[in-house]
Amino acid sequence: MLVIAALLTGALTVWTIRRTRKAIRNFLHRAVLRSVHRFQVRLDRYKLVSKPAVREALIQDPVVVSAMQHHCDIHGTSDAEAQALVEEYVDEIVPFFDVLSYYKIGYNLAHLLTRLLYRVSSEYQDRDALNAIPRKDVVLYLMNHRSNADYVIVAYVLAHGVSISYAVGEWARIWPLEYVFKSFGAYFVRRGFREALYHTVLERYVQLITRNGVTQGIFMEGGLTRNGELQPAKVGLLDYIARTTLDPAFDRDIWLVPVAINYDRVLEDRTLIRELLDERDRPSKPRQLLALTHYLLFNTLRLLTGRLKRYGRAVVNFGPPLSLRQWSDRHDGSLRLPRQERLPKLQHLADEVMQRVAAIMPVTPVPLVAAAFLSFEETVVPTSDLVERLDEYRDHLLASGAKLVRGELDACAILDRGWRMLKLRRLVVREAGNYIILPAQRPLLEYYANSVAHLLPDAPLRRPMHPAHDPDGSLPRLRS
């Protein structure tokens, strides 16, 4: 009887475990379907392929196998050592996309944080052109990079249309960020790492997901801008993706969508400009961690006491798409050239994309007011002169078709919105009908003004009529 009871108990336990596992799988499956239906999202099916399957495809890729053999010949290593190195690179690069992580955890956190910190909006220069992209084609979002919040902001505004896979720098390869980014479908890229075998693995992975229609996002500058200006475009990942069109089995087009991002306040602005004021003042990792901890604790306290205020606008502007196949047809044979001859031609394409990004850069109140302040090259700026300069800038931006956020507002209203943030940051003070730029804060004003300076006309300087209005060359400034 004891044996029969034990067998029945064991069978019941096995049945319970299987039923529980099946119930959990069904629950998660229904949750995934609810998320997809709720967001009406264009889900790239290849993201759902298991990581072991992608890993096996890369290891057996003929190009990777040839690169492994070349690596062995050059470095004198064995085939097993080369394969172990490839497996290490694959594990580092390849993500494991999870729908629930992206749409249940990621989206809700993004919704909470972005709404808590910013007034987020998205703009479209030509929505019809974006909607006309065939569903079978591949979309590549090419963006400027102002803040680490860019990842969250862009994914958030695109969540109801598509899930985007980012190319992320190795700065995020720390726990738990690495797990979070990989579960969101992001793949990691080592910046400045010249090992040939690594770049072969990375190239074949990028081409693999491109062939299978995965929507990607790339920051063309390769890193955060330190002075607020757009930086020269990098072409490494663009080269990998463009060469996918050389595959005879790849019959899709690749559409390059320029994306411009701008803020009234960048969270890490002071850290970014610190080394431009003094290159020896680059904070160490512990100092950065301490500063981040202080920031989080301080703002959590402000939130709990009801004193936390939003940081103004965060705006994403999408430009008209550019067909990569049409570009390739106009430059027939360019993608088949050797690397040294091919990259300069792709650099022209990347520069064209960055010019489009510059042209659609959203002009939010703080950068516009900062540019107006600095246009006088003075410490003390009368309110009437500042309003007049803002009115000139506003008219110029509207006439040139620039994306002026809240362009229906007059100059006084724009000044009022910009002044609130500058006052909060203690960059400028107002006294007796004048605005006074605090000298030590001038570089931060430059940082914000630089983001929109290319869209503004050259303003004439007034003749100094008072010593307080004389240009002061000793004031701190950002280095180029």
Protein backbone atom coordinates (compact mmCIF):
# COMPACT_ATOMS: atom_id res chain seq x y z
CA MET A 1 0.00 0.00 0.00
CA LEU A 2 2.84 2.36 0.81
CA VAL A 3 4.40 1.69 -2.60
CA ILE A 4 1.08 2.36 -4.37
CA ALA A 5 0.57 5.54 -2.34
CA ALA A 6 4.09 6.71 -3.21
CA LEU A 7 3.53 5.99 -6.93
CA LEU A 8 0.21 7.85 -6.89
CA THR A 9 1.78 10.78 -5.05
CA GLY A 10 4.64 10.91 -7.55
CA ALA A 11 2.28 10.73 -10.50
CA LEU A 12 0.09 13.45 -9.01
CA THR A 13 3.15 15.64 -8.41
CA VAL A 14 4.35 15.21 -12.01
CA TRP A 15 0.85 15.93 -13.33
CA THR A 16 0.58 19.05 -11.14
CA ILE A 17 3.97 20.34 -12.28
CA ARG A 18 3.12 19.81 -15.94
CA ARG A 19 -0.29 21.45 -15.56
CA THR A 20 1.29 24.37 -13.72
CA ARG A 21 3.94 24.83 -16.38
CA LYS A 22 1.31 24.66 -19.09
CA ALA A 23 -0.90 27.16 -17.25
CA ILE A 24 2.04 29.56 -16.86
CA ARG A 25 2.92 29.22 -20.57
CA ASN A 26 -0.70 29.88 -21.55
CA PHE A 27 -0.88 32.87 -19.21
CA LEU A 28 2.31 34.36 -20.64
CA HIS A 29 1.17 33.61 -24.20
CA ARG A 30 -2.14 35.42 -23.60
CA ALA A 31 -0.25 38.34 -22.00
CA VAL A 32 1.96 38.61 -25.07
CA LEU A 33 -1.05 38.58 -27.40
CA ARG A 34 -2.79 41.23 -25.29
CA SER A 35 0.28 43.46 -25.46
CA VAL A 36 0.59 43.06 -29.23
CA HIS A 37 -3.10 43.77 -29.78
CA ARG A 38 -3.11 46.70 -27.37
CA PHE A 39 -0.22 48.47 -29.06
CA GLN A 40 -1.14 47.35 -32.60
CA VAL A 41 2.58 46.87 -32.96
CA ARG A 42 4.55 45.78 -36.01
CA LEU A 43 6.45 42.96 -34.33
CA ASP A 44 9.55 41.75 -36.16
CA ARG A 45 9.17 37.98 -36.08
CA TYR A 46 12.89 37.29 -36.20
CA LYS A 47 13.27 38.88 -32.77
CA LEU A 48 11.36 35.91 -31.36
CA VAL A 49 13.91 33.41 -32.67
CA SER A 50 15.80 31.84 -29.77
CA LYS A 51 19.29 33.00 -28.99
CA PRO A 52 20.79 29.47 -29.42
CA ALA A 53 19.40 29.36 -32.98
CA VAL A 54 20.95 32.75 -33.82
CA ARG A 55 24.19 31.68 -32.18
CA GLU A 56 24.31 28.50 -34.26
CA ALA A 57 23.59 30.43 -37.48
CA LEU A 58 26.48 32.80 -36.81
CA ILE A 59 28.98 30.12 -35.85
CA GLN A 60 28.18 28.15 -39.03
CA ASP A 61 28.19 31.27 -41.24
CA PRO A 62 30.79 30.70 -44.02
CA VAL A 63 32.13 34.25 -43.67
CA VAL A 64 32.64 33.77 -39.92
CA VAL A 65 34.26 30.36 -40.48
CA SER A 66 36.67 31.92 -43.00
CA ALA A 67 37.45 34.74 -40.55
CA MET A 68 38.16 32.17 -37.82
CA GLN A 69 40.66 30.40 -40.08
CA HIS A 70 42.31 33.70 -40.95
CA HIS A 71 42.51 34.55 -37.25
CA CYS A 72 44.23 31.21 -36.55
CA ASP A 73 46.75 31.79 -39.35
CA ILE A 74 47.67 35.27 -38.11
CA HIS A 75 47.74 34.64 -34.34
CA GLY A 76 48.83 31.02 -34.37
CA THR A 77 45.87 29.82 -32.31
CA SER A 78 43.95 26.57 -32.63
CA ASP A 79 40.52 26.16 -34.22
CA ALA A 80 39.02 25.47 -30.78
CA GLU A 81 40.44 28.70 -29.35
CA ALA A 82 39.13 30.71 -32.31
CA GLN A 83 35.67 29.16 -31.99
CA ALA A 84 35.63 29.86 -28.25
CA LEU A 85 36.46 33.50 -29.01
CA VAL A 86 33.65 33.66 -31.58
CA GLU A 87 31.20 32.16 -29.08
CA GLU A 88 32.26 34.80 -26.54
CA TYR A 89 31.60 37.57 -29.07
CA VAL A 90 28.24 36.07 -30.04
CA ASP A 91 27.11 35.81 -26.39
CA GLU A 92 28.15 39.43 -25.87
CA ILE A 93 26.41 40.82 -28.98
CA VAL A 94 23.23 38.80 -29.46
CA PRO A 95 20.17 39.83 -27.38
CA PHE A 96 17.14 37.79 -26.28
CA PHE A 97 14.07 39.88 -27.06
CA ASP A 98 11.15 39.44 -24.68
CA VAL A 99 7.77 40.92 -25.58
CA LEU A 100 6.60 41.21 -21.98
CA SER A 101 9.85 42.88 -20.88
CA TYR A 102 9.54 45.40 -23.70
CA TYR A 103 5.82 46.20 -23.48
CA LYS A 104 4.91 45.43 -19.87
CA ILE A 105 8.01 46.46 -17.96
CA GLY A 106 9.92 48.70 -20.37
CA TYR A 107 6.96 50.66 -21.70
CA ASN A 108 5.37 51.24 -18.30
CA LEU A 109 8.67 52.39 -16.80
CA ALA A 110 9.27 54.65 -19.80
CA HIS A 111 5.75 56.04 -19.49
CA LEU A 112 6.29 56.76 -15.79
CA LEU A 113 9.75 58.33 -16.11
CA THR A 114 9.16 60.38 -19.26
CA ARG A 115 5.89 61.80 -18.01
CA LEU A 116 7.47 62.51 -14.65
CA LEU A 117 10.47 64.36 -16.09
CA TYR A 118 9.35 65.79 -19.45
CA ARG A 119 6.49 66.88 -21.60
CA VAL A 120 7.15 64.43 -24.45
CA SER A 121 5.93 64.97 -28.00
CA SER A 122 6.68 63.57 -31.45
CA GLU A 123 6.57 65.43 -34.76
CA TYR A 124 6.60 64.28 -38.38
CA GLN A 125 7.91 66.24 -41.34
CA ASP A 126 6.15 63.92 -43.80
CA ARG A 127 3.95 61.34 -42.11
CA ASP A 128 2.48 60.17 -45.45
CA ALA A 129 5.95 59.26 -46.75
CA LEU A 130 6.62 57.19 -43.63
CA ASN A 131 3.25 55.46 -43.88
CA ALA A 132 3.97 54.66 -47.55
CA ILE A 133 6.99 52.48 -46.70
CA PRO A 134 6.06 48.90 -47.74
CA ARG A 135 5.59 46.60 -44.75
CA LYS A 136 8.02 44.05 -46.16
CA ASP A 137 10.86 46.60 -46.30
CA VAL A 138 13.36 47.30 -43.52
CA VAL A 139 13.35 50.57 -41.57
CA LEU A 140 16.50 52.03 -40.02
CA TYR A 141 16.15 55.02 -37.68
CA LEU A 142 19.29 57.20 -37.75
CA MET A 143 19.42 59.61 -34.79
CA ASN A 144 21.49 62.27 -33.12
CA HIS A 145 22.61 61.51 -29.58
CA ARG A 146 22.13 64.12 -26.83
CA SER A 147 21.33 62.03 -23.77
CA ASN A 148 21.19 58.46 -22.53
CA ALA A 149 17.47 59.16 -22.19
CA ASP A 150 17.32 59.07 -26.03
CA TYR A 151 16.94 55.27 -25.89
CA VAL A 152 13.87 55.57 -23.69
CA ILE A 153 12.27 58.59 -25.40
CA VAL A 154 12.44 57.23 -28.96
CA ALA A 155 11.32 53.72 -27.97
CA TYR A 156 8.44 55.26 -26.03
CA VAL A 157 7.10 57.38 -28.89
CA LEU A 158 7.45 54.46 -31.34
CA ALA A 159 5.93 51.84 -29.02
CA HIS A 160 2.51 51.89 -30.68
CA GLY A 161 4.01 51.27 -34.10
CA VAL A 162 7.15 49.16 -33.84
CA SER A 163 9.64 47.71 -31.35
CA ILE A 164 13.08 49.08 -32.09
CA SER A 165 16.42 47.31 -31.60
CA TYR A 166 19.26 49.64 -30.66
CA ALA A 167 22.98 49.40 -31.18
CA VAL A 168 24.21 50.08 -27.62
CA GLY A 169 27.74 50.94 -26.53
CA GLU A 170 29.61 48.74 -24.10
CA TRP A 171 29.04 51.30 -21.31
CA ALA A 172 25.75 49.46 -20.62
CA ARG A 173 27.39 46.05 -20.16
CA ILE A 174 26.96 46.13 -16.39
CA TRP A 175 24.35 44.35 -14.32
CA PRO A 176 21.41 44.86 -14.47
CA LEU A 177 21.56 47.18 -17.52
CA GLU A 178 22.98 44.46 -19.77
CA TYR A 179 20.10 42.10 -19.02
CA VAL A 180 17.53 44.88 -19.42
CA PHE A 181 18.88 46.10 -22.77
CA LYS A 182 19.18 42.59 -24.17
CA SER A 183 15.63 41.70 -23.14
CA PHE A 184 14.54 44.81 -25.07
CA GLY A 185 16.29 43.49 -28.21
CA ALA A 186 19.36 45.77 -28.11
CA TYR A 187 22.72 44.46 -29.29
CA PHE A 188 26.07 45.63 -27.95
CA VAL A 189 28.88 47.25 -29.90
CA ARG A 190 32.47 47.74 -28.73
CA ARG A 191 33.56 51.24 -29.68
CA GLY A 192 37.14 51.57 -30.90
CA PHE A 193 37.84 47.82 -30.73
CA ARG A 194 39.90 46.86 -33.81
CA GLU A 195 39.99 43.06 -33.60
CA ALA A 196 39.07 41.78 -37.09
CA LEU A 197 37.30 38.59 -35.95
CA TYR A 198 35.02 40.59 -33.63
CA HIS A 199 33.99 42.94 -36.43
CA THR A 200 33.25 40.01 -38.72
CA VAL A 201 30.91 38.50 -36.14
CA LEU A 202 29.26 41.88 -35.52
CA GLU A 203 28.86 42.54 -39.24
CA ARG A 204 27.30 39.15 -39.95
CA TYR A 205 24.90 39.53 -37.00
CA VAL A 206 23.79 42.99 -38.15
CA GLN A 207 23.31 41.70 -41.68
CA LEU A 208 21.45 38.64 -40.39
CA ILE A 209 18.83 40.69 -38.54
CA THR A 210 18.61 43.17 -41.43
CA ARG A 211 17.90 40.37 -43.92
CA ASN A 212 15.12 39.22 -41.60
CA GLY A 213 13.49 42.64 -41.39
CA VAL A 214 14.39 43.74 -37.84
CA THR A 215 13.82 47.47 -37.25
CA GLN A 216 16.96 49.07 -35.86
CA GLY A 217 17.99 52.39 -34.31
CA ILE A 218 21.51 53.77 -34.65
CA PHE A 219 23.03 56.90 -33.15
CA MET A 220 25.03 58.22 -36.08
CA GLU A 221 27.48 60.24 -33.97
CA GLY A 222 28.62 57.10 -32.17
CA GLY A 223 28.45 58.77 -28.75
CA LEU A 224 26.96 61.63 -26.78
CA THR A 225 27.67 65.15 -27.98
CA ARG A 226 29.80 66.99 -25.44
CA ASN A 227 29.25 70.57 -26.63
CA GLY A 228 25.65 70.36 -27.87
CA GLU A 229 26.56 70.49 -31.56
CA LEU A 230 25.97 67.63 -33.97
CA GLN A 231 29.14 65.54 -34.27
CA PRO A 232 30.56 63.95 -37.46
CA ALA A 233 28.73 60.80 -38.53
CA LYS A 234 30.25 57.34 -38.07
CA VAL A 235 29.72 54.87 -40.92
CA GLY A 236 30.71 51.45 -39.51
CA LEU A 237 27.23 50.05 -38.80
CA LEU A 238 25.75 51.83 -41.82
CA ASP A 239 28.34 50.04 -43.98
CA TYR A 240 27.33 46.65 -42.56
CA ILE A 241 23.64 47.31 -43.16
CA ALA A 242 24.09 48.79 -46.64
CA ARG A 243 26.07 45.76 -47.81
CA THR A 244 23.10 43.54 -46.98
CA THR A 245 21.60 44.70 -50.28
CA LEU A 246 24.39 42.83 -52.11
CA ASP A 247 22.83 39.50 -51.08
CA PRO A 248 20.94 38.18 -54.14
CA ALA A 249 18.32 36.61 -51.86
CA PHE A 250 17.58 39.95 -50.19
CA ASP A 251 14.78 41.52 -52.26
CA ARG A 252 13.71 44.25 -49.84
CA ASP A 253 14.55 47.92 -49.67
CA ILE A 254 16.11 49.59 -46.63
CA TRP A 255 14.66 52.97 -45.65
CA LEU A 256 16.82 55.41 -43.72
CA VAL A 257 14.68 57.62 -41.46
CA PRO A 258 16.45 60.66 -39.99
CA VAL A 259 15.41 61.37 -36.40
CA ALA A 260 16.22 64.56 -34.47
CA ILE A 261 15.94 64.70 -30.67
CA ASN A 262 16.16 67.80 -28.51
CA TYR A 263 15.47 68.73 -24.88
CA ASP A 264 14.85 71.70 -22.66
CA ARG A 265 17.10 69.92 -20.21
CA VAL A 266 19.56 67.09 -20.73
CA LEU A 267 19.91 65.08 -17.54
CA GLU A 268 23.69 64.69 -17.74
CA ASP A 269 24.49 68.13 -19.23
CA ARG A 270 26.94 69.29 -16.56
CA THR A 271 28.83 66.02 -16.67
CA LEU A 272 29.10 66.21 -20.47
CA ILE A 273 30.55 69.73 -20.59
CA ARG A 274 32.86 69.28 -17.61
CA GLU A 275 35.73 67.88 -19.64
CA LEU A 276 35.30 70.65 -22.26
CA LEU A 277 35.95 73.21 -19.55
CA ASP A 278 38.97 71.32 -18.24
CA GLU A 279 40.06 68.09 -19.91
CA ARG A 280 41.68 66.99 -16.64
CA ASP A 281 38.31 67.14 -14.89
CA ARG A 282 36.93 63.90 -16.29
CA PRO A 283 35.13 62.22 -13.34
CA SER A 284 36.12 58.71 -12.35
CA LYS A 285 33.65 55.83 -12.31
CA PRO A 286 33.14 56.04 -8.51
CA ARG A 287 32.50 59.78 -8.77
CA GLN A 288 29.99 59.23 -11.57
CA LEU A 289 28.24 56.56 -9.51
CA LEU A 290 28.20 58.84 -6.46
CA ALA A 291 26.78 61.71 -8.52
CA LEU A 292 24.08 59.43 -9.97
CA THR A 293 23.14 58.15 -6.51
CA HIS A 294 22.95 61.70 -5.16
CA TYR A 295 20.78 62.75 -8.11
CA LEU A 296 18.36 59.84 -7.65
CA LEU A 297 18.05 60.30 -3.89
CA PHE A 298 17.65 64.07 -4.13
CA ASN A 299 14.94 63.88 -6.79
CA THR A 300 13.17 61.02 -5.02
CA LEU A 301 12.98 63.23 -1.95
CA ARG A 302 11.64 66.11 -4.06
CA LEU A 303 9.05 63.77 -5.59
CA LEU A 304 7.87 62.56 -2.19
CA THR A 305 7.58 66.12 -0.91
CA GLY A 306 5.76 67.32 -4.03
CA ARG A 307 8.56 69.69 -5.06
CA LEU A 308 9.72 67.84 -8.20
CA LYS A 309 9.08 69.88 -11.34
CA ARG A 310 9.25 68.65 -14.90
CA TYR A 311 12.26 69.57 -17.00
CA GLY A 312 10.33 71.09 -19.88
CA ARG A 313 10.09 69.64 -23.37
CA ALA A 314 11.56 66.49 -24.91
CA VAL A 315 10.74 66.39 -28.62
CA VAL A 316 11.41 63.75 -31.30
CA ASN A 317 11.05 64.79 -34.94
CA PHE A 318 10.97 62.22 -37.77
CA GLY A 319 12.12 63.30 -41.22
CA PRO A 320 11.24 61.97 -44.70
CA PRO A 321 12.75 58.51 -45.39
CA LEU A 322 15.62 57.92 -47.81
CA SER A 323 15.71 54.75 -49.94
CA LEU A 324 19.03 52.92 -49.69
CA ARG A 325 18.40 51.05 -52.95
CA GLN A 326 17.80 54.30 -54.82
CA TRP A 327 21.04 55.68 -53.40
CA SER A 328 22.85 52.48 -54.39
CA ASP A 329 21.45 52.72 -57.94
CA ARG A 330 22.75 56.29 -58.24
CA HIS A 331 26.17 55.10 -57.03
CA ASP A 332 26.29 51.89 -59.03
CA GLY A 333 28.94 49.49 -57.78
CA SER A 334 29.98 51.61 -54.77
CA LEU A 335 29.05 48.95 -52.22
CA ARG A 336 31.21 46.34 -54.01
CA LEU A 337 34.36 48.45 -53.80
CA PRO A 338 37.15 47.61 -51.33
CA ARG A 339 36.62 49.04 -47.86
CA GLN A 340 39.09 51.91 -48.27
CA GLU A 341 37.30 53.10 -51.43
CA ARG A 342 33.78 52.28 -50.23
CA LEU A 343 33.76 54.10 -46.89
CA PRO A 344 34.32 57.63 -48.31
CA LYS A 345 31.23 57.18 -50.51
CA LEU A 346 29.19 55.94 -47.57
CA GLN A 347 30.50 58.88 -45.57
CA HIS A 348 28.77 61.18 -48.06
CA LEU A 349 25.52 59.29 -47.44
CA ALA A 350 25.98 59.52 -43.67
CA ASP A 351 26.74 63.24 -43.93
CA GLU A 352 23.57 63.72 -45.98
CA VAL A 353 21.55 61.97 -43.27
CA MET A 354 23.12 64.18 -40.58
CA GLN A 355 22.29 67.27 -42.64
CA ARG A 356 18.68 66.09 -42.71
CA VAL A 357 18.79 65.53 -38.96
CA ALA A 358 20.15 69.06 -38.49
CA ALA A 359 17.42 70.52 -40.69
CA ILE A 360 14.61 68.94 -38.65
CA MET A 361 16.11 69.60 -35.20
CA PRO A 362 13.25 70.59 -32.86
CA VAL A 363 13.69 74.08 -31.43
CA THR A 364 12.42 74.01 -27.85
CA PRO A 365 12.18 77.13 -25.63
CA VAL A 366 15.37 76.70 -23.56
CA PRO A 367 17.84 76.32 -26.49
CA LEU A 368 16.17 79.20 -28.33
CA VAL A 369 16.27 81.54 -25.30
CA ALA A 370 19.87 80.49 -24.56
CA ALA A 371 20.87 81.35 -28.15
CA ALA A 372 19.14 84.72 -27.85
CA PHE A 373 21.01 85.52 -24.62
CA LEU A 374 24.40 84.62 -26.08
CA SER A 375 23.79 86.48 -29.34
CA PHE A 376 24.48 89.79 -27.55
CA GLU A 377 27.92 88.70 -26.30
CA GLU A 378 27.10 90.59 -23.09
CA THR A 379 26.55 89.80 -19.44
CA VAL A 380 23.56 92.12 -18.97
CA VAL A 381 20.72 91.93 -21.52
CA PRO A 382 17.71 94.26 -21.32
CA THR A 383 14.35 92.51 -21.48
CA SER A 384 13.14 94.60 -24.43
CA ASP A 385 16.20 93.70 -26.50
CA LEU A 386 15.86 90.03 -25.63
CA VAL A 387 12.18 89.96 -26.64
CA GLU A 388 13.05 91.71 -29.90
CA ARG A 389 15.80 89.17 -30.66
CA LEU A 390 13.48 86.25 -29.89
CA ASP A 391 10.88 87.75 -32.19
CA GLU A 392 13.46 87.90 -34.99
CA TYR A 393 14.46 84.29 -34.38
CA ARG A 394 10.84 83.13 -34.25
CA ASP A 395 9.99 84.80 -37.57
CA HIS A 396 13.11 83.36 -39.20
CA LEU A 397 12.40 79.81 -37.98
CA LEU A 398 8.79 79.90 -39.15
CA ALA A 399 9.77 81.35 -42.53
CA SER A 400 12.50 78.73 -43.06
CA GLY A 401 10.21 75.80 -42.17
CA ALA A 402 12.14 74.78 -39.05
CA LYS A 403 10.38 72.75 -36.38
CA LEU A 404 9.70 75.42 -33.75
CA VAL A 405 7.93 73.81 -30.81
CA ARG A 406 4.83 75.78 -29.90
CA GLY A 407 5.44 78.13 -32.82
CA GLU A 408 2.07 79.75 -32.27
CA LEU A 409 3.38 81.44 -29.11
CA ASP A 410 4.74 84.98 -29.29
CA ALA A 411 8.24 85.97 -28.19
CA CYS A 412 7.16 86.92 -24.65
CA ALA A 413 5.53 83.53 -24.07
CA ILE A 414 8.62 81.71 -25.40
CA LEU A 415 10.84 83.79 -23.12
CA ASP A 416 8.61 83.01 -20.15
CA ARG A 417 8.88 79.23 -20.75
CA GLY A 418 12.64 79.35 -21.25
CA TRP A 419 13.15 81.64 -18.26
CA ARG A 420 11.39 79.21 -15.91
CA MET A 421 13.95 76.50 -16.62
CA LEU A 422 16.95 78.85 -16.63
CA LYS A 423 15.82 80.25 -13.30
CA LEU A 424 15.38 76.72 -11.92
CA ARG A 425 18.92 75.85 -13.04
CA ARG A 426 20.31 79.16 -11.64
CA LEU A 427 21.87 80.13 -14.97
CA VAL A 428 20.37 83.59 -15.30
CA VAL A 429 18.90 86.09 -12.84
CA ARG A 430 16.43 88.90 -13.52
CA GLU A 431 16.78 92.31 -11.94
CA ALA A 432 15.35 95.77 -12.70
CA GLY A 433 14.18 94.94 -16.21
CA ASN A 434 17.43 93.21 -17.18
CA TYR A 435 18.60 89.62 -17.39
CA ILE A 436 22.06 88.90 -15.99
CA ILE A 437 23.99 85.84 -17.18
CA LEU A 438 25.91 84.31 -14.29
CA PRO A 439 29.48 84.00 -15.63
CA ALA A 440 30.17 80.50 -14.33
CA GLN A 441 27.00 79.20 -16.02
CA ARG A 442 27.74 80.58 -19.47
CA PRO A 443 29.13 77.26 -20.83
CA LEU A 444 25.84 75.53 -20.05
CA LEU A 445 23.98 78.17 -22.03
CA GLU A 446 26.41 77.53 -24.92
CA TYR A 447 25.68 73.81 -24.71
CA TYR A 448 21.95 74.35 -25.24
CA ALA A 449 22.33 77.15 -27.79
CA ASN A 450 24.66 75.01 -29.92
CA SER A 451 21.87 72.50 -30.58
CA VAL A 452 19.89 75.03 -32.64
CA ALA A 453 22.51 77.63 -33.63
CA HIS A 454 22.72 76.27 -37.19
CA LEU A 455 19.04 77.11 -37.73
CA LEU A 456 19.33 80.74 -36.59
CA PRO A 457 20.50 83.84 -38.47
CA ASP A 458 23.63 85.71 -37.49
CA ALA A 459 22.46 88.44 -35.15
CA PRO A 460 24.13 91.89 -35.35
CA LEU A 461 25.95 92.95 -32.20
CA ARG A 462 25.09 96.25 -30.55
CA ARG A 463 27.76 98.85 -29.93
CA PRO A 464 28.72 98.72 -26.25
CA MET A 465 27.37 101.77 -24.47
CA HIS A 466 28.23 100.76 -20.92
CA PRO A 467 31.09 98.81 -19.31
CA ALA A 468 28.61 96.14 -18.21
CA HIS A 469 27.81 95.54 -21.87
CA ASP A 470 31.39 95.09 -23.02
CA PRO A 471 32.23 91.59 -24.33
CA ASP A 472 34.28 89.79 -21.68
CA GLY A 473 36.87 87.44 -23.15
CA SER A 474 37.77 86.05 -19.74
CA LEU A 475 34.42 84.32 -19.23
CA PRO A 476 34.51 80.49 -19.20
CA ARG A 477 33.60 78.94 -22.55
CA LEU A 478 33.30 75.48 -24.02
CA ARG A 479 36.29 74.21 -25.96
CA SER A 480 35.63 72.94 -29.48
